[in-house]
C-alpha atoms as a PDB file:
ATOM      1  CA  UNK A   1       0.000   0.000   0.000  1.00  0.00           C
ATOM      2  CA  UNK A   2       1.303   3.444  -0.925  1.00  0.00           C
ATOM      3  CA  UNK A   3       0.843   6.124   1.684  1.00  0.00           C
ATOM      4  CA  UNK A   4       0.268   9.687   0.707  1.00  0.00           C
ATOM      5  CA  UNK A   5       3.140  11.975   1.534  1.00  0.00           C
ATOM      6  CA  UNK A   6       2.096  15.341   2.858  1.00  0.00           C
ATOM      7  CA  UNK A   7       3.560  18.202   0.833  1.00  0.00           C
ATOM      8  CA  UNK A   8       6.178  20.236   2.640  1.00  0.00           C
ATOM      9  CA  UNK A   9       4.932  23.508   3.955  1.00  0.00           C
ATOM     10  CA  UNK A  10       6.771  26.470   2.481  1.00  0.00           C
ATOM     11  CA  UNK A  11       8.139  28.930   4.977  1.00  0.00           C
ATOM     12  CA  UNK A  12       7.450  32.585   4.502  1.00  0.00           C
ATOM     13  CA  UNK A  13      10.496  34.918   4.518  1.00  0.00           C
ATOM     14  CA  UNK A  14       9.801  36.207   8.044  1.00  0.00           C
ATOM     15  CA  UNK A  15       9.626  32.667   9.451  1.00  0.00           C
ATOM     16  CA  UNK A  16      12.797  31.710   7.581  1.00  0.00           C
ATOM     17  CA  UNK A  17      14.588  34.752   9.035  1.00  0.00           C
ATOM     18  CA  UNK A  18      13.392  33.893  12.556  1.00  0.00           C
ATOM     19  CA  UNK A  19      14.665  30.320  12.242  1.00  0.00           C
ATOM     20  CA  UNK A  20      18.025  31.514  10.884  1.00  0.00           C
ATOM     21  CA  UNK A  21      18.335  33.956  13.804  1.00  0.00           C
ATOM     22  CA  UNK A  22      17.600  31.184  16.320  1.00  0.00           C
ATOM     23  CA  UNK A  23      20.204  28.928  14.703  1.00  0.00           C
ATOM     24  CA  UNK A  24      22.746  31.748  14.853  1.00  0.00           C
ATOM     25  CA  UNK A  25      22.036  32.315  18.569  1.00  0.00           C
ATOM     26  CA  UNK A  26      22.490  28.613  19.292  1.00  0.00           C
ATOM     27  CA  UNK A  27      25.784  28.562  17.417  1.00  0.00           C
ATOM     28  CA  UNK A  28      27.020  31.613  19.354  1.00  0.00           C
ATOM     29  CA  UNK A  29      26.104  29.881  22.622  1.00  0.00           C
ATOM     30  CA  UNK A  30      28.123  26.824  21.570  1.00  0.00           C
ATOM     31  CA  UNK A  31      31.038  29.055  20.546  1.00  0.00           C
ATOM     32  CA  UNK A  32      30.890  30.782  23.907  1.00  0.00           C
ATOM     33  CA  UNK A  33      31.382  27.391  25.593  1.00  0.00           C
ATOM     34  CA  UNK A  34      34.228  26.390  23.259  1.00  0.00           C
ATOM     35  CA  UNK A  35      36.172  29.629  23.742  1.00  0.00           C
ATOM     36  CA  UNK A  36      37.484  29.174  27.269  1.00  0.00           C
ATOM     37  CA  UNK A  37      37.414  32.136  29.669  1.00  0.00           C
ATOM     38  CA  UNK A  38      40.562  32.998  31.565  1.00  0.00           C
ATOM     39  CA  UNK A  39      42.360  35.903  33.229  1.00  0.00           C
ATOM     40  CA  UNK A  40      45.543  37.016  31.511  1.00  0.00           C
ATOM     41  CA  UNK A  41      47.517  36.828  34.763  1.00  0.00           C
ATOM     42  CA  UNK A  42      46.677  33.146  35.165  1.00  0.00           C
ATOM     43  CA  UNK A  43      47.216  32.271  31.511  1.00  0.00           C
ATOM     44  CA  UNK A  44      49.969  29.911  30.438  1.00  0.00           C
ATOM     45  CA  UNK A  45      50.397  32.021  27.280  1.00  0.00           C
ATOM     46  CA  UNK A  46      51.341  35.334  28.871  1.00  0.00           C
ATOM     47  CA  UNK A  47      55.005  34.859  27.941  1.00  0.00           C
ATOM     48  CA  UNK A  48      54.098  34.419  24.258  1.00  0.00           C
ATOM     49  CA  UNK A  49      51.280  36.928  23.852  1.00  0.00           C
ATOM     50  CA  UNK A  50      51.394  40.395  25.312  1.00  0.00           C
ATOM     51  CA  UNK A  51      48.626  42.007  23.255  1.00  0.00           C
ATOM     52  CA  UNK A  52      45.272  41.177  21.707  1.00  0.00           C
ATOM     53  CA  UNK A  53      45.762  41.024  17.937  1.00  0.00           C
ATOM     54  CA  UNK A  54      42.190  42.220  17.329  1.00  0.00           C
ATOM     55  CA  UNK A  55      42.352  45.558  19.152  1.00  0.00           C
ATOM     56  CA  UNK A  56      46.182  45.620  19.413  1.00  0.00           C
ATOM     57  CA  UNK A  57      46.030  46.660  23.074  1.00  0.00           C
ATOM     58  CA  UNK A  58      48.287  45.112  25.690  1.00  0.00           C
ATOM     59  CA  UNK A  59      46.771  42.679  28.145  1.00  0.00           C
ATOM     60  CA  UNK A  60      46.778  43.657  31.805  1.00  0.00           C
ATOM     61  CA  UNK A  61      47.126  41.211  34.669  1.00  0.00           C
ATOM     62  CA  UNK A  62      43.351  41.230  35.224  1.00  0.00           C
ATOM     63  CA  UNK A  63      42.268  41.267  31.565  1.00  0.00           C
ATOM     64  CA  UNK A  64      39.251  39.032  30.883  1.00  0.00           C
ATOM     65  CA  UNK A  65      40.380  36.804  28.037  1.00  0.00           C
ATOM     66  CA  UNK A  66      39.123  33.955  25.927  1.00  0.00           C
ATOM     67  CA  UNK A  67      41.287  31.257  24.418  1.00  0.00           C
ATOM     68  CA  UNK A  68      40.714  29.603  21.073  1.00  0.00           C
ATOM     69  CA  UNK A  69      41.119  25.842  20.559  1.00  0.00           C
ATOM     70  CA  UNK A  70      44.425  26.657  18.798  1.00  0.00           C
ATOM     71  CA  UNK A  71      45.615  28.278  22.073  1.00  0.00           C
ATOM     72  CA  UNK A  72      45.578  31.948  21.043  1.00  0.00           C
ATOM     73  CA  UNK A  73      44.457  34.553  23.552  1.00  0.00           C
ATOM     74  CA  UNK A  74      42.228  37.597  22.977  1.00  0.00           C
ATOM     75  CA  UNK A  75      40.253  40.051  25.071  1.00  0.00           C
ATOM     76  CA  UNK A  76      36.956  38.264  25.761  1.00  0.00           C
ATOM     77  CA  UNK A  77      34.852  41.038  24.258  1.00  0.00           C
ATOM     78  CA  UNK A  78      37.064  41.362  21.163  1.00  0.00           C
ATOM     79  CA  UNK A  79      36.907  37.653  20.373  1.00  0.00           C
ATOM     80  CA  UNK A  80      33.142  37.389  20.854  1.00  0.00           C
ATOM     81  CA  UNK A  81      32.572  40.364  18.528  1.00  0.00           C
ATOM     82  CA  UNK A  82      34.874  38.667  16.000  1.00  0.00           C
ATOM     83  CA  UNK A  83      32.977  35.367  16.035  1.00  0.00           C
ATOM     84  CA  UNK A  84      29.618  37.160  15.876  1.00  0.00           C
ATOM     85  CA  UNK A  85      30.632  38.646  12.531  1.00  0.00           C
ATOM     86  CA  UNK A  86      31.887  35.289  11.298  1.00  0.00           C
ATOM     87  CA  UNK A  87      29.313  32.972  12.878  1.00  0.00           C
ATOM     88  CA  UNK A  88      28.727  31.086   9.627  1.00  0.00           C
ATOM     89  CA  UNK A  89      32.348  29.855   9.620  1.00  0.00           C
ATOM     90  CA  UNK A  90      34.238  31.136  12.669  1.00  0.00           C
ATOM     91  CA  UNK A  91      38.019  31.124  12.707  1.00  0.00           C
ATOM     92  CA  UNK A  92      40.901  32.246  14.882  1.00  0.00           C
ATOM     93  CA  UNK A  93      41.758  35.917  14.226  1.00  0.00           C
ATOM     94  CA  UNK A  94      45.463  35.122  14.637  1.00  0.00           C
ATOM     95  CA  UNK A  95      46.119  31.960  12.630  1.00  0.00           C
ATOM     96  CA  UNK A  96      42.779  31.580  10.812  1.00  0.00           C
ATOM     97  CA  UNK A  97      42.309  28.007  12.058  1.00  0.00           C
ATOM     98  CA  UNK A  98      38.669  26.994  11.823  1.00  0.00           C
ATOM     99  CA  UNK A  99      36.776  26.909  15.111  1.00  0.00           C
ATOM    100  CA  UNK A 100      34.687  23.777  14.792  1.00  0.00           C
ATOM    101  CA  UNK A 101      31.191  23.930  16.264  1.00  0.00           C
ATOM    102  CA  UNK A 102      29.359  20.634  16.507  1.00  0.00           C
ATOM    103  CA  UNK A 103      25.573  20.560  16.160  1.00  0.00           C
ATOM    104  CA  UNK A 104      24.421  18.974  19.400  1.00  0.00           C
END
């Protein structure tokens, strides 16, 4: 017996935009978890990196930082603004290594 297959409902542009926005928010949340928070003073990289390559300002002992999976350090706010603009395919601002976000 052949069952009828219901036709797919077409999404209107506003609904499509809302879904895309929700997906983007979810991806940013996942990125936020991947990009580890740390203080510059407690970072193992402070000997190698003295400044954020996004804003080119020196880190201070108490700077709120985030670290990429490739172990580069940035001011937390700078890095999150960076990934927001590149949410479709985020990468490290320093070495351009892809930041992989799994869909879970």
